[in-house]
Amino acid sequence: MNGIFFAFVVVSFFFAAIHQLNWTPVVGEKSPIELLGQSMIGSATDSVTLAISLIGVMALFLGLMKVAEKGGLLVIIAKVVKPLMIRLFPDVPATHPAMGAMIMNISANSMGLGNAATPFGIRAMQELDKLNTHKGVANNAMVLFLAINTSSVTLLPSGVIALRAAADSMDPAGILPTTLFATICSTITAIVVAKLLQNFWSSDKGTFSFQAHVRAQKRKENKADKGDYPLWVSYLALLSLVSLVPLTVLYGRGIAPWIIPLLMILLLGFGFFRGVRIYEAFVEGAQEGFKVAVKIIPYLVAILVAVGMFRASGAMEFLIGPIGNVTGSFGLPTDAIPMAILRPLSGSGAYGVLASIIQDPNIGPDSYVGYLVSTLQGSTETTFYVLAVYFGAIQIKKIRHALFAALSADIMGVAAAVFICSYLFLN
């Protein structure tokens, strides 16, 4: 992110300086350098205003998530997912700690609980490494888990909803159907690509190998634990999730206004009937939301100033304009390209770009571009960050096809987001 931030600033200053040298003074018109400086101050001010407006919405959603978490929703999701995970990861014993950590990571990601998902993900990688006889080389389970992690199905992109609400969106939750559609497509792609490509790396090249006793015990241990749901429940849940795709395509705009009210009723009702002290839990989560909103202010200031400079200098139009002329015909306009490019590189950077786009009065959160960039933020992941953190935690040097599988999922996520947003908001 250091390089990206510095590049934005340097390129912006370079373009503004060139325009300044070629600028002919006009009475009442500000010079390119003056516009650049004005943009810096304005962007810094706007970023703080945006963060303050986020406090209430972040407190609301994290409060609801805390109620769901205390009610055991993650545990329920984990039980539903486990029979499928056993079949996706046949080399990992069902009773191994790695399986539990992977399930909790995916469950947390699906609910938009990124802070909870990351520790589970790191723990999963550490446990998978214990099964790996070729240290420093990613095995098949590691690659598949990382690919799924970077494309995980997202049921509630609460951060994006909060940002859209802060930008005065008429329908902040309108991206839930589009995000679900895009993440289902990207997750399927991640699994298929990872499974197909694993056959191109043989074990004699030192790619991977599990302990012999693990393979010997696989059939014994890969059975659902007592208390887990049977396989048919997993298939039913999966079928229900997939069935949401045509509903999203056909009735997405009609469903969206109901989502936030129903979400509050269902999550609070779930917690209440599970014996959770919902008021205290909600307040606890809301306090966390307040802290998160305040904590992101420096990140927003940095990236919004850099992006504001990039736009004001004319660099964005010059560098991205030609690309937009090509991608625009496919539903990916110029204004959305920075988001599509930056999202795999930096979460905070992409978040700042999203904020700058939907706060732009010429675009807004409820335009086609506003819906598209919001969906991109909610349906794609910071691939390089996840790869660096998860593999770095266990000193993996040879990542095999992990990056290709993850980027394939990202590309599919972008394509799916463009398709569903074009269908719903351009027709």
Protein backbone atom coordinates (compact mmCIF):
# COMPACT_ATOMS: atom_id res chain seq x y z
CA MET A 1 0.00 0.00 0.00
CA ASN A 2 2.98 2.30 0.63
CA GLY A 3 3.95 2.11 -3.03
CA ILE A 4 0.39 2.65 -4.24
CA PHE A 5 -0.12 5.67 -1.99
CA PHE A 6 3.18 7.26 -3.04
CA ALA A 7 2.51 6.56 -6.73
CA PHE A 8 -0.88 8.27 -6.56
CA VAL A 9 0.67 11.40 -5.03
CA VAL A 10 3.72 11.57 -7.33
CA VAL A 11 1.77 10.93 -10.54
CA SER A 12 -0.86 13.48 -9.53
CA PHE A 13 1.75 16.13 -8.82
CA PHE A 14 3.52 15.35 -12.12
CA PHE A 15 0.35 15.77 -14.18
CA ALA A 16 -0.68 18.93 -12.32
CA ALA A 17 2.80 20.42 -12.85
CA ILE A 18 2.66 19.73 -16.60
CA HIS A 19 -0.78 21.32 -16.84
CA GLN A 20 0.48 24.28 -14.81
CA LEU A 21 3.37 24.89 -17.22
CA ASN A 22 0.98 24.83 -20.17
CA TRP A 23 -1.75 26.82 -18.45
CA THR A 24 -2.78 30.23 -19.68
CA PRO A 25 -4.04 32.42 -16.80
CA VAL A 26 -7.71 33.32 -17.00
CA VAL A 27 -9.38 35.86 -14.73
CA GLY A 28 -11.44 34.09 -12.06
CA GLU A 29 -10.09 30.64 -12.96
CA LYS A 30 -7.86 28.66 -10.61
CA SER A 31 -4.62 27.18 -11.85
CA PRO A 32 -4.04 23.39 -11.96
CA ILE A 33 -1.76 23.56 -8.91
CA GLU A 34 -4.34 25.58 -6.98
CA LEU A 35 -7.01 23.04 -7.89
CA LEU A 36 -4.69 20.26 -6.72
CA GLY A 37 -4.14 21.91 -3.34
CA GLN A 38 -7.85 22.66 -2.98
CA SER A 39 -8.64 19.04 -3.72
CA MET A 40 -6.24 17.87 -1.01
CA ILE A 41 -7.84 20.04 1.68
CA GLY A 42 -11.37 19.24 0.53
CA SER A 43 -10.74 15.49 0.41
CA ALA A 44 -9.22 15.50 3.90
CA THR A 45 -12.22 17.37 5.27
CA ASP A 46 -14.70 15.13 3.48
CA SER A 47 -13.02 11.97 4.76
CA VAL A 48 -13.49 13.00 8.39
CA THR A 49 -17.10 14.01 7.73
CA LEU A 50 -17.71 10.66 6.08
CA ALA A 51 -16.18 8.72 8.95
CA ILE A 52 -18.31 10.58 11.51
CA SER A 53 -21.45 9.84 9.50
CA LEU A 54 -20.45 6.18 9.49
CA ILE A 55 -20.50 5.87 13.28
CA GLY A 56 -24.23 5.38 13.66
CA VAL A 57 -24.62 2.87 10.85
CA MET A 58 -21.54 0.87 11.86
CA ALA A 59 -22.80 0.78 15.43
CA LEU A 60 -26.17 -0.53 14.21
CA PHE A 61 -24.80 -3.37 12.10
CA LEU A 62 -22.06 -4.47 14.46
CA GLY A 63 -24.61 -4.41 17.26
CA LEU A 64 -26.85 -6.76 15.30
CA MET A 65 -23.88 -8.97 14.42
CA LYS A 66 -22.89 -9.22 18.08
CA VAL A 67 -26.40 -10.42 18.96
CA ALA A 68 -26.18 -13.06 16.22
CA GLU A 69 -22.69 -14.08 17.33
CA LYS A 70 -23.70 -14.50 20.98
CA GLY A 71 -26.75 -16.44 19.88
CA GLY A 72 -24.51 -19.01 18.22
CA LEU A 73 -25.26 -18.22 14.59
CA LEU A 74 -21.65 -18.87 13.58
CA VAL A 75 -21.79 -22.29 15.23
CA ILE A 76 -24.99 -23.17 13.38
CA ILE A 77 -23.49 -22.11 10.06
CA ALA A 78 -20.38 -24.12 10.86
CA LYS A 79 -22.44 -27.27 11.50
CA VAL A 80 -24.26 -26.79 8.19
CA VAL A 81 -21.06 -26.22 6.24
CA LYS A 82 -18.98 -29.02 7.78
CA PRO A 83 -20.32 -31.99 5.71
CA LEU A 84 -19.53 -30.05 2.53
CA MET A 85 -16.11 -29.04 3.80
CA ILE A 86 -15.23 -32.66 4.46
CA ARG A 87 -15.81 -33.42 0.79
CA LEU A 88 -14.02 -30.31 -0.47
CA PHE A 89 -10.99 -31.13 1.68
CA PRO A 90 -10.79 -34.94 1.59
CA ASP A 91 -7.16 -34.98 2.80
CA VAL A 92 -7.97 -33.13 6.00
CA PRO A 93 -9.45 -35.33 8.77
CA ALA A 94 -12.84 -34.14 9.94
CA THR A 95 -11.66 -34.10 13.55
CA HIS A 96 -8.45 -32.19 12.86
CA PRO A 97 -8.24 -28.64 14.31
CA ALA A 98 -7.59 -27.32 10.79
CA MET A 99 -11.11 -28.31 9.72
CA GLY A 100 -12.72 -26.47 12.60
CA ALA A 101 -10.66 -23.33 12.02
CA MET A 102 -11.46 -23.31 8.28
CA ILE A 103 -15.18 -23.72 8.94
CA MET A 104 -15.25 -20.88 11.48
CA ASN A 105 -13.27 -18.64 9.11
CA ILE A 106 -15.67 -19.19 6.22
CA SER A 107 -18.69 -18.79 8.51
CA ALA A 108 -17.37 -15.48 9.86
CA ASN A 109 -16.59 -14.21 6.34
CA SER A 110 -20.10 -15.03 5.17
CA MET A 111 -21.49 -12.75 7.88
CA GLY A 112 -19.10 -9.92 7.06
CA LEU A 113 -17.12 -10.41 10.30
CA GLY A 114 -13.68 -9.87 8.81
CA ASN A 115 -12.03 -9.14 12.17
CA ALA A 116 -13.15 -12.52 13.47
CA ALA A 117 -12.38 -14.35 10.22
CA THR A 118 -8.69 -13.43 10.00
CA PRO A 119 -7.56 -15.10 13.27
CA PHE A 120 -9.46 -18.27 12.29
CA GLY A 121 -7.84 -18.18 8.85
CA ILE A 122 -4.32 -17.87 10.24
CA ARG A 123 -5.01 -20.66 12.72
CA ALA A 124 -6.31 -22.86 9.88
CA MET A 125 -3.13 -22.32 7.86
CA GLN A 126 -0.99 -23.15 10.88
CA GLU A 127 -2.88 -26.38 11.46
CA LEU A 128 -2.76 -27.32 7.76
CA ASP A 129 0.98 -26.77 7.86
CA LYS A 130 1.24 -29.48 10.51
CA LEU A 131 -0.10 -31.94 7.90
CA ASN A 132 2.38 -30.77 5.29
CA THR A 133 5.60 -32.70 4.82
CA HIS A 134 7.07 -30.21 2.33
CA LYS A 135 7.51 -27.11 4.48
CA GLY A 136 7.49 -23.86 2.56
CA VAL A 137 5.34 -25.30 -0.22
CA ALA A 138 1.57 -24.83 -0.29
CA ASN A 139 -0.39 -28.08 -0.37
CA ASN A 140 -3.72 -28.56 -2.12
CA ALA A 141 -5.77 -27.86 0.99
CA MET A 142 -3.93 -24.59 1.62
CA VAL A 143 -4.43 -23.43 -1.96
CA LEU A 144 -8.12 -24.29 -2.01
CA PHE A 145 -8.74 -22.70 1.38
CA LEU A 146 -7.03 -19.47 0.35
CA ALA A 147 -8.96 -19.37 -2.95
CA ILE A 148 -12.27 -19.85 -1.11
CA ASN A 149 -11.24 -17.23 1.43
CA THR A 150 -10.63 -14.60 -1.23
CA SER A 151 -14.00 -15.29 -2.86
CA SER A 152 -16.12 -16.28 0.13
CA VAL A 153 -19.89 -16.04 -0.24
CA THR A 154 -20.97 -12.86 1.53
CA LEU A 155 -24.43 -12.72 3.02
CA LEU A 156 -24.05 -9.36 4.74
CA PRO A 157 -21.47 -6.78 3.52
CA SER A 158 -22.23 -4.55 6.50
CA GLY A 159 -19.30 -2.14 5.92
CA VAL A 160 -20.43 -1.31 2.39
CA ILE A 161 -24.05 -0.88 3.50
CA ALA A 162 -22.88 1.50 6.22
CA LEU A 163 -20.86 3.54 3.75
CA ARG A 164 -23.78 3.75 1.33
CA ALA A 165 -26.07 4.86 4.15
CA ALA A 166 -23.55 7.55 5.12
CA ALA A 167 -23.57 8.72 1.49
CA ASP A 168 -27.37 9.25 1.74
CA SER A 169 -28.32 6.28 -0.41
CA MET A 170 -32.04 5.77 -0.86
CA ASP A 171 -31.46 2.01 -0.67
CA PRO A 172 -28.26 1.19 1.26
CA ALA A 173 -28.98 -2.55 1.29
CA GLY A 174 -29.70 -2.68 -2.43
CA ILE A 175 -26.33 -4.34 -2.96
CA LEU A 176 -27.16 -7.46 -0.94
CA PRO A 177 -28.73 -9.32 -3.89
CA THR A 178 -25.98 -8.23 -6.29
CA THR A 179 -23.22 -9.11 -3.81
CA LEU A 180 -24.70 -12.54 -3.15
CA PHE A 181 -24.90 -13.27 -6.87
CA ALA A 182 -21.32 -12.13 -7.52
CA THR A 183 -19.81 -14.01 -4.56
CA ILE A 184 -21.58 -17.26 -5.46
CA CYS A 185 -20.11 -17.02 -8.96
CA SER A 186 -16.62 -16.17 -7.68
CA THR A 187 -16.65 -18.93 -5.05
CA ILE A 188 -17.65 -21.57 -7.59
CA THR A 189 -14.87 -20.33 -9.86
CA ALA A 190 -12.31 -20.47 -7.03
CA ILE A 191 -13.18 -24.08 -6.19
CA VAL A 192 -13.24 -25.28 -9.80
CA VAL A 193 -9.96 -23.59 -10.78
CA ALA A 194 -8.14 -24.73 -7.62
CA LYS A 195 -9.33 -28.33 -8.08
CA LEU A 196 -8.45 -28.43 -11.78
CA LEU A 197 -5.02 -26.87 -11.46
CA GLN A 198 -3.87 -29.00 -8.55
CA ASN A 199 -3.30 -31.86 -10.99
CA PHE A 200 -0.66 -29.88 -12.87
CA TRP A 201 1.70 -29.87 -9.87
CA SER A 202 2.98 -33.33 -9.06
CA SER A 203 4.33 -34.36 -5.69
CA ASP A 204 7.72 -35.30 -7.10
CA LYS A 205 8.39 -31.60 -7.65
CA GLY A 206 8.06 -31.05 -3.92
CA THR A 207 4.66 -29.52 -4.05
CA PHE A 208 2.85 -31.33 -1.32
CA SER A 209 2.32 -34.50 0.53
CA PHE A 210 0.27 -35.32 3.60
CA GLN A 211 1.35 -37.70 6.31
CA ALA A 212 0.69 -41.33 5.48
CA HIS A 213 -1.30 -41.91 8.62
CA VAL A 214 -3.59 -39.03 7.69
CA ARG A 215 -4.53 -40.72 4.46
CA ALA A 216 -4.98 -44.04 6.22
CA GLN A 217 -7.38 -42.52 8.74
CA LYS A 218 -9.26 -40.32 6.28
CA ARG A 219 -12.23 -42.63 5.77
CA LYS A 220 -12.56 -43.29 9.48
CA GLU A 221 -12.43 -39.72 10.61
CA ASN A 222 -14.19 -37.92 7.80
CA LYS A 223 -17.60 -38.54 9.27
CA ALA A 224 -19.79 -35.92 10.82
CA ASP A 225 -19.23 -35.50 14.54
CA LYS A 226 -22.10 -36.12 16.89
CA GLY A 227 -24.09 -32.94 16.92
CA ASP A 228 -23.29 -31.98 13.33
CA TYR A 229 -26.09 -31.76 10.80
CA PRO A 230 -26.40 -34.57 8.23
CA LEU A 231 -25.25 -34.09 4.66
CA TRP A 232 -28.75 -33.53 3.31
CA VAL A 233 -29.07 -30.42 5.48
CA SER A 234 -25.91 -29.03 3.87
CA TYR A 235 -27.23 -29.78 0.40
CA LEU A 236 -30.57 -28.19 1.27
CA ALA A 237 -28.83 -25.07 2.55
CA LEU A 238 -26.66 -24.95 -0.56
CA LEU A 239 -29.68 -25.39 -2.81
CA SER A 240 -31.51 -22.62 -0.95
CA LEU A 241 -28.52 -20.33 -1.39
CA VAL A 242 -28.23 -21.09 -5.11
CA SER A 243 -31.99 -20.60 -5.54
CA LEU A 244 -31.50 -17.02 -4.41
CA VAL A 245 -29.58 -16.32 -7.61
CA PRO A 246 -32.59 -16.33 -9.99
CA LEU A 247 -34.63 -14.48 -7.33
CA THR A 248 -31.86 -11.89 -7.23
CA VAL A 249 -31.83 -11.50 -10.98
CA LEU A 250 -35.61 -11.29 -11.32
CA TYR A 251 -36.72 -9.50 -8.17
CA GLY A 252 -33.54 -7.94 -6.75
CA ARG A 253 -34.78 -4.36 -6.80
CA GLY A 254 -38.08 -5.27 -5.20
CA ILE A 255 -36.47 -7.34 -2.44
CA ALA A 256 -33.78 -4.84 -1.47
CA PRO A 257 -35.94 -2.34 0.56
CA TRP A 258 -37.14 -5.16 2.83
CA ILE A 259 -33.69 -6.41 3.74
CA ILE A 260 -32.61 -4.05 6.53
CA PRO A 261 -35.92 -4.11 8.48
CA LEU A 262 -36.18 -7.90 8.15
CA LEU A 263 -32.53 -8.30 9.09
CA MET A 264 -33.04 -6.42 12.34
CA ILE A 265 -36.21 -8.34 13.22
CA LEU A 266 -34.70 -11.74 12.40
CA LEU A 267 -31.34 -11.25 14.13
CA LEU A 268 -32.85 -9.73 17.27
CA GLY A 269 -35.54 -12.42 17.29
CA PHE A 270 -32.89 -15.11 16.84
CA GLY A 271 -30.90 -13.78 19.77
CA PHE A 272 -33.97 -13.34 21.97
CA PHE A 273 -35.19 -16.92 21.52
CA ARG A 274 -31.64 -18.21 22.03
CA GLY A 275 -31.59 -16.62 25.46
CA VAL A 276 -29.26 -13.74 24.59
CA ARG A 277 -29.57 -10.51 26.54
CA ILE A 278 -30.09 -8.71 23.26
CA TYR A 279 -29.95 -5.16 24.57
CA GLU A 280 -26.60 -5.65 26.32
CA ALA A 281 -25.19 -7.59 23.36
CA PHE A 282 -26.35 -4.95 20.91
CA VAL A 283 -24.75 -2.18 22.97
CA GLU A 284 -21.49 -4.16 23.16
CA GLY A 285 -21.42 -4.57 19.39
CA ALA A 286 -22.38 -0.94 18.85
CA GLN A 287 -19.39 0.12 20.97
CA GLU A 288 -17.16 -1.92 18.66
CA GLY A 289 -18.79 -0.23 15.68
CA PHE A 290 -18.00 3.17 17.16
CA LYS A 291 -14.35 2.20 17.60
CA VAL A 292 -14.11 0.84 14.04
CA ALA A 293 -15.59 4.02 12.53
CA VAL A 294 -13.13 6.20 14.45
CA LYS A 295 -10.19 3.88 13.72
CA ILE A 296 -10.62 4.12 9.94
CA ILE A 297 -10.40 7.94 9.84
CA PRO A 298 -6.61 8.05 9.17
CA TYR A 299 -6.94 5.46 6.40
CA LEU A 300 -9.78 7.36 4.80
CA VAL A 301 -7.87 10.64 4.96
CA ALA A 302 -4.81 9.11 3.30
CA ILE A 303 -6.54 7.36 0.44
CA LEU A 304 -9.22 9.99 -0.22
CA VAL A 305 -6.57 12.72 -0.44
CA ALA A 306 -4.51 10.57 -2.84
CA VAL A 307 -7.52 9.71 -5.00
CA GLY A 308 -8.73 13.32 -4.93
CA MET A 309 -5.32 14.48 -6.14
CA PHE A 310 -5.34 11.80 -8.83
CA ARG A 311 -8.67 13.05 -10.15
CA ALA A 312 -8.01 16.77 -9.82
CA SER A 313 -4.68 16.54 -11.66
CA GLY A 314 -6.27 14.90 -14.70
CA ALA A 315 -4.13 11.77 -14.27
CA MET A 316 -7.11 9.48 -13.82
CA GLU A 317 -8.77 10.60 -17.03
CA PHE A 318 -5.49 10.32 -18.95
CA LEU A 319 -4.44 6.90 -17.67
CA ILE A 320 -7.77 5.15 -17.28
CA GLY A 321 -9.79 6.86 -20.00
CA PRO A 322 -8.51 4.67 -22.86
CA ILE A 323 -9.20 1.53 -20.83
CA GLY A 324 -12.68 2.79 -20.02
CA ASN A 325 -13.41 3.30 -23.70
CA VAL A 326 -12.93 -0.44 -24.18
CA THR A 327 -14.46 -1.77 -20.95
CA GLY A 328 -17.37 0.67 -21.09
CA SER A 329 -18.97 -1.39 -23.83
CA PHE A 330 -18.96 -4.36 -21.44
CA GLY A 331 -20.61 -2.45 -18.59
CA LEU A 332 -17.44 -1.41 -16.73
CA PRO A 333 -17.23 2.39 -17.05
CA THR A 334 -14.14 4.49 -16.48
CA ASP A 335 -15.25 5.64 -13.02
CA ALA A 336 -15.37 2.04 -11.78
CA ILE A 337 -11.99 0.89 -13.14
CA PRO A 338 -9.88 2.19 -10.19
CA MET A 339 -12.07 0.17 -7.86
CA ALA A 340 -11.70 -3.02 -9.92
CA ILE A 341 -7.91 -2.61 -10.08
CA LEU A 342 -7.27 -1.57 -6.49
CA ARG A 343 -9.59 -4.03 -4.70
CA PRO A 344 -7.26 -7.07 -4.93
CA LEU A 345 -4.34 -4.92 -3.74
CA SER A 346 -5.64 -3.02 -0.73
CA GLY A 347 -8.78 -3.22 1.38
CA SER A 348 -8.39 0.25 2.88
CA GLY A 349 -7.44 1.69 -0.49
CA ALA A 350 -10.45 0.19 -2.21
CA TYR A 351 -12.67 1.34 0.64
CA GLY A 352 -11.38 4.87 0.19
CA VAL A 353 -11.91 4.74 -3.58
CA LEU A 354 -15.46 3.49 -3.01
CA ALA A 355 -16.11 6.35 -0.61
CA SER A 356 -14.75 8.92 -3.07
CA ILE A 357 -16.90 7.57 -5.91
CA ILE A 358 -20.25 7.37 -4.12
CA GLN A 359 -19.62 10.72 -2.41
CA ASP A 360 -19.09 12.36 -5.82
CA PRO A 361 -22.24 14.42 -6.51
CA ASN A 362 -21.94 13.58 -10.20
CA ILE A 363 -22.15 9.84 -9.45
CA GLY A 364 -23.75 9.14 -6.08
CA PRO A 365 -24.48 5.82 -4.36
CA ASP A 366 -27.70 5.05 -6.25
CA SER A 367 -26.38 5.40 -9.79
CA TYR A 368 -25.30 2.44 -11.87
CA VAL A 369 -21.65 3.17 -11.08
CA GLY A 370 -22.53 3.55 -7.38
CA TYR A 371 -24.19 0.13 -7.28
CA LEU A 372 -21.39 -1.45 -9.32
CA VAL A 373 -18.48 -0.23 -7.17
CA SER A 374 -20.41 -1.09 -4.01
CA THR A 375 -20.95 -4.62 -5.31
CA LEU A 376 -17.27 -4.90 -6.27
CA GLN A 377 -16.26 -3.92 -2.75
CA GLY A 378 -18.63 -6.43 -1.20
CA SER A 379 -17.97 -9.32 -3.58
CA THR A 380 -14.19 -9.28 -4.08
CA GLU A 381 -11.32 -9.53 -1.64
CA THR A 382 -7.87 -8.08 -0.99
CA THR A 383 -6.26 -11.09 -2.61
CA PHE A 384 -2.63 -10.07 -2.21
CA TYR A 385 -3.14 -9.07 1.43
CA VAL A 386 -4.81 -12.38 2.30
CA LEU A 387 -2.12 -14.30 0.44
CA ALA A 388 0.66 -12.41 2.20
CA VAL A 389 -0.87 -12.73 5.68
CA TYR A 390 -2.02 -16.35 5.52
CA PHE A 391 0.98 -17.80 3.72
CA GLY A 392 3.38 -15.47 5.50
CA ALA A 393 2.20 -16.81 8.86
CA ILE A 394 3.63 -20.23 7.98
CA GLN A 395 6.54 -19.12 5.73
CA ILE A 396 5.13 -20.50 2.50
CA LYS A 397 7.52 -19.62 -0.35
CA LYS A 398 6.04 -21.68 -3.19
CA ILE A 399 2.37 -20.80 -3.51
CA ARG A 400 1.76 -23.00 -6.57
CA HIS A 401 -1.55 -22.10 -8.24
CA ALA A 402 -3.00 -20.18 -5.29
CA LEU A 403 -2.61 -16.73 -6.85
CA PHE A 404 -4.02 -17.86 -10.21
CA ALA A 405 -7.07 -19.45 -8.55
CA ALA A 406 -7.66 -16.40 -6.36
CA LEU A 407 -7.31 -13.92 -9.24
CA SER A 408 -9.58 -16.09 -11.41
CA ALA A 409 -12.19 -15.78 -8.67
CA ASP A 410 -11.65 -12.00 -8.55
CA ILE A 411 -12.09 -11.69 -12.32
CA MET A 412 -15.26 -13.76 -12.18
CA GLY A 413 -16.49 -11.61 -9.29
CA VAL A 414 -15.98 -8.45 -11.37
CA ALA A 415 -17.68 -10.01 -14.40
CA ALA A 416 -20.62 -11.25 -12.31
CA ALA A 417 -20.99 -7.84 -10.62
CA VAL A 418 -21.03 -6.10 -13.99
CA PHE A 419 -23.62 -8.55 -15.32
CA ILE A 420 -26.05 -8.38 -12.39
CA CYS A 421 -25.74 -4.60 -11.95
CA SER A 422 -26.19 -4.03 -15.69
CA TYR A 423 -29.28 -6.23 -15.69
CA LEU A 424 -30.87 -4.64 -12.63
CA PHE A 425 -29.87 -1.00 -12.96
CA LEU A 426 -29.40 -0.35 -16.68
CA ASN A 427 -32.53 -2.06 -17.96
